[in-house]
Amino acid sequence: MITLCVAGGTGQVGGELVRLALSAGHQVSVLSRNVPPVGSAKHHDGATYFAGDVTSGDGLAAAVAGADVVIDCLEGQFGKAQKQFADGGGRLLAAAHLAGVQKAVALSIINCDLSSFSYYASKAAKERIYAESPLQTEVVRATQFHGLVAKIFAAGARVGLIPAFKAVRFQSIAPADVAAALLEAAVAESPGKSHAEHHVVTIAGPETLTMREMAESWKSVVGSRGRIIELPLPGPMGDFLRAGHNLSSEQPYGTETFVSWLEKHRESL
């Protein structure tokens, strides 16, 4: 048993990670900007919750105190949160180092350093901060989540058109599979503090599908009457996806397929 501090432990992946870690018998503290109330879906019995903010540093010391490993599942998709994303990671690592934490693991995006898209660039910037940390660090790069693609389809279906980007394939992965990979990285044996190293691993979903194939599956599972329309995706993200930088040549890590995930979450789609 080890003691884990999950930063962003109320989010999509972080919540799954907290659940898995508790089930495995680990002690878990959760750092979140807002502490979820007892009895809510985001509150897991057995975890200790701390309110904190990596953009200011408030609450970090209390959250990481006594932890063996810090796992960073934080997100910063827009505005100030995105601009502060990498620096926030640095503050979290500094607090962990002062507290005597042995290891830090961060969630990132596959090949984020190959894109000029601002969100991906912020992920790459945080990766560089982790690489420079005196702690033992590991970055787990994941392919896009099943839910991201499903949201694109759902948004278009509201006006009767389900978008499928031309010449784009996805190897999407379930958040639960990503959480399992993060926990695996956290509990893996590490060299002593005098041999701090940085590692990057990439995980991907179990199948590679064209976006049109995924749109057809989504339409079938949710019963949408929208028409699938193939469109070019402009800009840095379109370049990234058409180049296949969102795909992995390594053995797939995820086990839950897109259709299986859709069927499991049918009521919330």
Protein backbone atom coordinates (compact mmCIF):
# COMPACT_ATOMS: atom_id res chain seq x y z
CA MET A 1 0.00 0.00 0.00
CA ILE A 2 1.22 3.49 -0.83
CA THR A 3 -0.15 6.97 -0.23
CA LEU A 4 -1.25 8.85 -3.32
CA CYS A 5 -2.19 12.47 -3.86
CA VAL A 6 -4.38 12.86 -6.95
CA ALA A 7 -4.44 16.43 -8.23
CA GLY A 8 -7.62 16.88 -10.22
CA GLY A 9 -9.17 13.87 -8.55
CA THR A 10 -12.73 15.00 -9.21
CA GLY A 11 -12.35 15.11 -12.99
CA GLN A 12 -13.11 12.54 -15.67
CA VAL A 13 -9.87 10.57 -15.32
CA GLY A 14 -9.01 11.67 -11.80
CA GLY A 15 -12.29 10.38 -10.41
CA GLU A 16 -11.74 6.98 -12.02
CA LEU A 17 -8.20 6.94 -10.66
CA VAL A 18 -9.34 7.67 -7.10
CA ARG A 19 -11.88 4.85 -7.33
CA LEU A 20 -9.29 2.38 -8.64
CA ALA A 21 -6.67 3.37 -6.07
CA LEU A 22 -9.07 2.99 -3.16
CA SER A 23 -10.22 -0.40 -4.47
CA ALA A 24 -6.56 -1.49 -4.58
CA GLY A 25 -6.14 -0.58 -0.91
CA HIS A 26 -4.07 2.58 -1.29
CA GLN A 27 -4.46 5.70 0.83
CA VAL A 28 -5.67 8.59 -1.30
CA SER A 29 -5.79 12.34 -0.86
CA VAL A 30 -7.44 14.48 -3.51
CA LEU A 31 -6.51 18.03 -4.49
CA SER A 32 -9.34 19.93 -6.14
CA ARG A 33 -10.28 23.56 -6.54
CA ASN A 34 -13.68 22.68 -5.08
CA VAL A 35 -14.20 19.86 -2.58
CA PRO A 36 -17.22 17.74 -3.61
CA PRO A 37 -19.89 17.25 -0.93
CA VAL A 38 -20.23 13.88 0.75
CA GLY A 39 -22.77 11.79 -1.11
CA SER A 40 -22.15 13.41 -4.48
CA ALA A 41 -21.01 11.42 -7.51
CA LYS A 42 -17.55 13.02 -7.36
CA HIS A 43 -16.95 12.17 -3.70
CA HIS A 44 -15.43 8.76 -2.97
CA ASP A 45 -15.70 7.41 0.56
CA GLY A 46 -12.25 6.68 1.96
CA ALA A 47 -10.45 9.52 0.17
CA THR A 48 -9.42 12.71 1.94
CA TYR A 49 -10.21 15.89 0.03
CA PHE A 50 -8.26 19.14 0.08
CA ALA A 51 -9.21 22.44 -1.51
CA GLY A 52 -6.30 23.95 -3.42
CA ASP A 53 -5.29 25.90 -6.49
CA VAL A 54 -2.09 25.29 -8.45
CA THR A 55 -2.32 28.72 -10.08
CA SER A 56 -1.77 30.38 -6.70
CA GLY A 57 -0.20 27.56 -4.69
CA ASP A 58 -2.91 27.72 -2.05
CA GLY A 59 -3.58 24.41 -0.31
CA LEU A 60 -0.86 22.43 -2.08
CA ALA A 61 1.33 21.74 0.95
CA ALA A 62 -1.55 20.24 2.94
CA ALA A 63 -2.67 18.05 0.04
CA VAL A 64 0.74 16.53 -0.73
CA ALA A 65 1.86 16.07 2.89
CA GLY A 66 2.64 12.42 3.57
CA ALA A 67 2.20 11.31 -0.04
CA ASP A 68 4.57 8.84 -1.66
CA VAL A 69 3.42 9.73 -5.18
CA VAL A 70 1.60 12.71 -6.68
CA ILE A 71 -0.52 12.06 -9.78
CA ASP A 72 -1.38 15.14 -11.83
CA CYS A 73 -4.69 14.81 -13.67
CA LEU A 74 -5.34 18.54 -13.80
CA GLU A 75 -6.72 20.22 -16.91
CA GLY A 76 -6.46 23.77 -18.22
CA GLN A 77 -8.34 23.97 -21.47
CA PHE A 78 -9.25 27.64 -21.69
CA GLY A 79 -8.16 31.16 -20.84
CA LYS A 80 -6.19 31.78 -17.65
CA ALA A 81 -6.25 28.10 -16.69
CA GLN A 82 -4.48 27.20 -19.95
CA LYS A 83 -1.95 30.03 -19.64
CA GLN A 84 -1.15 28.94 -16.07
CA PHE A 85 -1.22 25.22 -16.83
CA ALA A 86 2.52 24.54 -17.06
CA ASP A 87 3.44 26.91 -14.22
CA GLY A 88 0.78 25.26 -12.08
CA GLY A 89 2.48 21.94 -12.67
CA GLY A 90 5.73 23.49 -11.51
CA ARG A 91 4.11 24.71 -8.30
CA LEU A 92 2.67 21.27 -7.63
CA LEU A 93 6.08 19.64 -8.17
CA ALA A 94 7.79 22.19 -5.92
CA ALA A 95 5.31 21.52 -3.12
CA ALA A 96 5.77 17.77 -3.60
CA HIS A 97 9.56 18.10 -3.47
CA LEU A 98 9.43 20.13 -0.24
CA ALA A 99 7.13 17.49 1.28
CA GLY A 100 9.54 14.66 0.48
CA VAL A 101 7.35 13.04 -2.18
CA GLN A 102 9.30 10.38 -4.07
CA LYS A 103 7.62 10.42 -7.45
CA ALA A 104 5.23 12.40 -9.66
CA VAL A 105 3.13 11.15 -12.58
CA ALA A 106 1.35 13.44 -15.05
CA LEU A 107 -1.35 12.86 -17.63
CA SER A 108 -0.64 14.32 -21.06
CA ILE A 109 -1.62 13.94 -24.72
CA ILE A 110 0.02 11.82 -27.40
CA ASN A 111 2.60 13.79 -29.44
CA CYS A 112 1.46 17.09 -27.94
CA ASP A 113 4.90 18.52 -28.70
CA LEU A 114 4.22 18.12 -32.45
CA SER A 115 1.29 20.54 -32.50
CA SER A 116 1.07 24.34 -32.32
CA PHE A 117 -2.56 24.10 -31.11
CA SER A 118 -2.53 26.12 -27.88
CA TYR A 119 -4.03 23.45 -25.63
CA TYR A 120 -1.53 20.85 -26.84
CA ALA A 121 1.31 23.35 -26.55
CA SER A 122 0.40 23.91 -22.87
CA LYS A 123 0.60 20.15 -22.30
CA ALA A 124 4.04 20.02 -23.92
CA ALA A 125 5.21 22.92 -21.75
CA LYS A 126 4.16 21.06 -18.61
CA GLU A 127 5.97 17.94 -19.84
CA ARG A 128 9.19 19.98 -20.04
CA ILE A 129 8.75 21.14 -16.44
CA TYR A 130 8.29 17.53 -15.33
CA ALA A 131 11.43 16.51 -17.22
CA GLU A 132 13.44 19.10 -15.27
CA SER A 133 12.09 18.13 -11.84
CA PRO A 134 14.41 16.65 -9.19
CA LEU A 135 11.72 14.06 -8.49
CA GLN A 136 11.31 10.71 -10.19
CA THR A 137 8.76 11.64 -12.88
CA GLU A 138 6.71 9.91 -15.52
CA VAL A 139 4.42 11.39 -18.15
CA VAL A 140 1.63 9.18 -19.47
CA ARG A 141 0.56 10.38 -22.90
CA ALA A 142 -2.89 9.21 -23.95
CA THR A 143 -4.80 9.30 -27.19
CA GLN A 144 -8.11 11.20 -27.34
CA PHE A 145 -10.88 10.01 -25.03
CA HIS A 146 -13.94 8.28 -26.47
CA GLY A 147 -16.09 11.04 -24.98
CA LEU A 148 -14.33 13.81 -26.91
CA VAL A 149 -15.30 12.32 -30.25
CA ALA A 150 -18.82 11.60 -29.01
CA LYS A 151 -19.23 15.25 -27.98
CA ILE A 152 -18.33 16.40 -31.48
CA PHE A 153 -21.02 14.15 -32.94
CA ALA A 154 -23.60 15.22 -30.37
CA ALA A 155 -22.96 18.91 -30.98
CA GLY A 156 -23.49 18.54 -34.72
CA ALA A 157 -26.52 16.30 -34.33
CA ARG A 158 -28.39 19.15 -32.61
CA VAL A 159 -28.68 20.79 -36.03
CA GLY A 160 -29.13 17.49 -37.87
CA LEU A 161 -25.56 17.15 -39.18
CA ILE A 162 -23.00 14.77 -37.68
CA PRO A 163 -19.48 15.94 -38.62
CA ALA A 164 -16.79 13.48 -39.69
CA PHE A 165 -13.46 15.09 -40.52
CA LYS A 166 -11.93 13.97 -43.81
CA ALA A 167 -8.77 11.82 -43.75
CA VAL A 168 -8.87 11.61 -39.94
CA ARG A 169 -8.61 8.46 -37.85
CA PHE A 170 -8.78 8.04 -34.10
CA GLN A 171 -7.43 5.45 -31.69
CA SER A 172 -9.59 6.69 -28.84
CA ILE A 173 -9.39 5.35 -25.30
CA ALA A 174 -11.69 5.06 -22.27
CA PRO A 175 -10.93 7.29 -19.25
CA ALA A 176 -11.00 4.20 -17.02
CA ASP A 177 -8.18 2.67 -19.07
CA VAL A 178 -6.18 5.89 -18.76
CA ALA A 179 -6.73 5.90 -14.99
CA ALA A 180 -5.45 2.32 -14.81
CA ALA A 181 -2.28 3.30 -16.66
CA LEU A 182 -1.66 6.24 -14.33
CA LEU A 183 -2.08 4.04 -11.27
CA GLU A 184 0.23 1.45 -12.78
CA ALA A 185 2.90 4.11 -13.34
CA ALA A 186 2.46 5.45 -9.82
CA VAL A 187 2.91 2.14 -8.00
CA ALA A 188 5.74 0.82 -10.18
CA GLU A 189 9.03 0.51 -8.34
CA SER A 190 11.32 3.50 -8.79
CA PRO A 191 15.03 4.04 -8.25
CA GLY A 192 16.11 5.90 -5.12
CA LYS A 193 15.94 9.66 -4.86
CA SER A 194 19.57 9.96 -5.91
CA HIS A 195 18.68 8.37 -9.26
CA ALA A 196 15.81 10.61 -10.31
CA GLU A 197 14.77 9.90 -13.88
CA HIS A 198 12.10 11.07 -16.28
CA HIS A 199 10.10 8.71 -18.47
CA VAL A 200 7.42 9.21 -21.10
CA VAL A 201 5.02 6.42 -22.06
CA THR A 202 2.22 6.46 -24.62
CA ILE A 203 -1.07 4.60 -24.29
CA ALA A 204 -3.74 4.19 -26.95
CA GLY A 205 -7.15 2.63 -27.40
CA PRO A 206 -7.71 -0.90 -28.73
CA GLU A 207 -8.73 0.00 -32.30
CA THR A 208 -8.07 2.55 -35.01
CA LEU A 209 -11.17 3.86 -36.80
CA THR A 210 -11.94 6.53 -39.34
CA MET A 211 -14.04 9.34 -37.96
CA ARG A 212 -16.83 8.34 -40.31
CA GLU A 213 -16.83 4.80 -38.91
CA MET A 214 -17.06 6.26 -35.42
CA ALA A 215 -19.89 8.58 -36.48
CA GLU A 216 -21.85 5.64 -37.88
CA SER A 217 -21.39 3.73 -34.60
CA TRP A 218 -22.42 6.75 -32.54
CA LYS A 219 -25.49 7.29 -34.70
CA SER A 220 -26.53 3.65 -34.34
CA VAL A 221 -26.06 3.47 -30.57
CA VAL A 222 -27.81 6.74 -29.68
CA GLY A 223 -30.48 6.44 -32.36
CA SER A 224 -29.73 9.78 -33.98
CA ARG A 225 -31.42 10.71 -37.26
CA GLY A 226 -28.73 13.23 -38.16
CA ARG A 227 -26.93 13.00 -41.48
CA ILE A 228 -23.21 12.27 -41.44
CA ILE A 229 -21.32 14.91 -43.37
CA GLU A 230 -17.60 14.72 -44.12
CA LEU A 231 -15.76 18.00 -43.66
CA PRO A 232 -12.16 19.20 -43.81
CA LEU A 233 -10.76 20.32 -40.44
CA PRO A 234 -8.63 23.45 -40.89
CA GLY A 235 -5.85 24.81 -38.70
CA PRO A 236 -3.18 23.22 -36.49
CA MET A 237 -5.51 20.54 -35.15
CA GLY A 238 -6.50 19.46 -38.65
CA ASP A 239 -2.83 19.21 -39.63
CA PHE A 240 -2.06 17.19 -36.49
CA LEU A 241 -4.87 14.68 -37.03
CA ARG A 242 -4.37 14.22 -40.77
CA ALA A 243 -0.69 13.51 -40.14
CA GLY A 244 -1.72 10.69 -37.81
CA HIS A 245 0.10 12.17 -34.80
CA ASN A 246 -2.87 11.13 -32.64
CA LEU A 247 -2.19 7.45 -33.41
CA SER A 248 0.29 5.11 -31.76
CA SER A 249 2.40 2.41 -33.39
CA GLU A 250 2.85 0.69 -30.02
CA GLN A 251 0.78 -2.17 -28.66
CA PRO A 252 -2.63 -0.79 -27.61
CA TYR A 253 -3.08 -0.37 -23.85
CA GLY A 254 -6.80 0.31 -23.65
CA THR A 255 -9.30 -2.54 -23.73
CA GLU A 256 -12.67 -0.79 -23.95
CA THR A 257 -13.77 -0.10 -27.53
CA PHE A 258 -15.61 3.00 -28.69
CA VAL A 259 -18.87 1.09 -29.18
CA SER A 260 -18.60 -0.61 -25.79
CA TRP A 261 -18.04 2.77 -24.13
CA LEU A 262 -20.98 4.27 -26.01
CA GLU A 263 -23.30 1.47 -24.94
CA LYS A 264 -22.20 1.83 -21.33
CA HIS A 265 -22.88 5.59 -21.36
CA ARG A 266 -25.88 5.57 -23.66
CA GLU A 267 -28.18 7.35 -21.17
CA SER A 268 -25.82 10.31 -20.75
CA LEU A 269 -24.95 10.84 -24.41
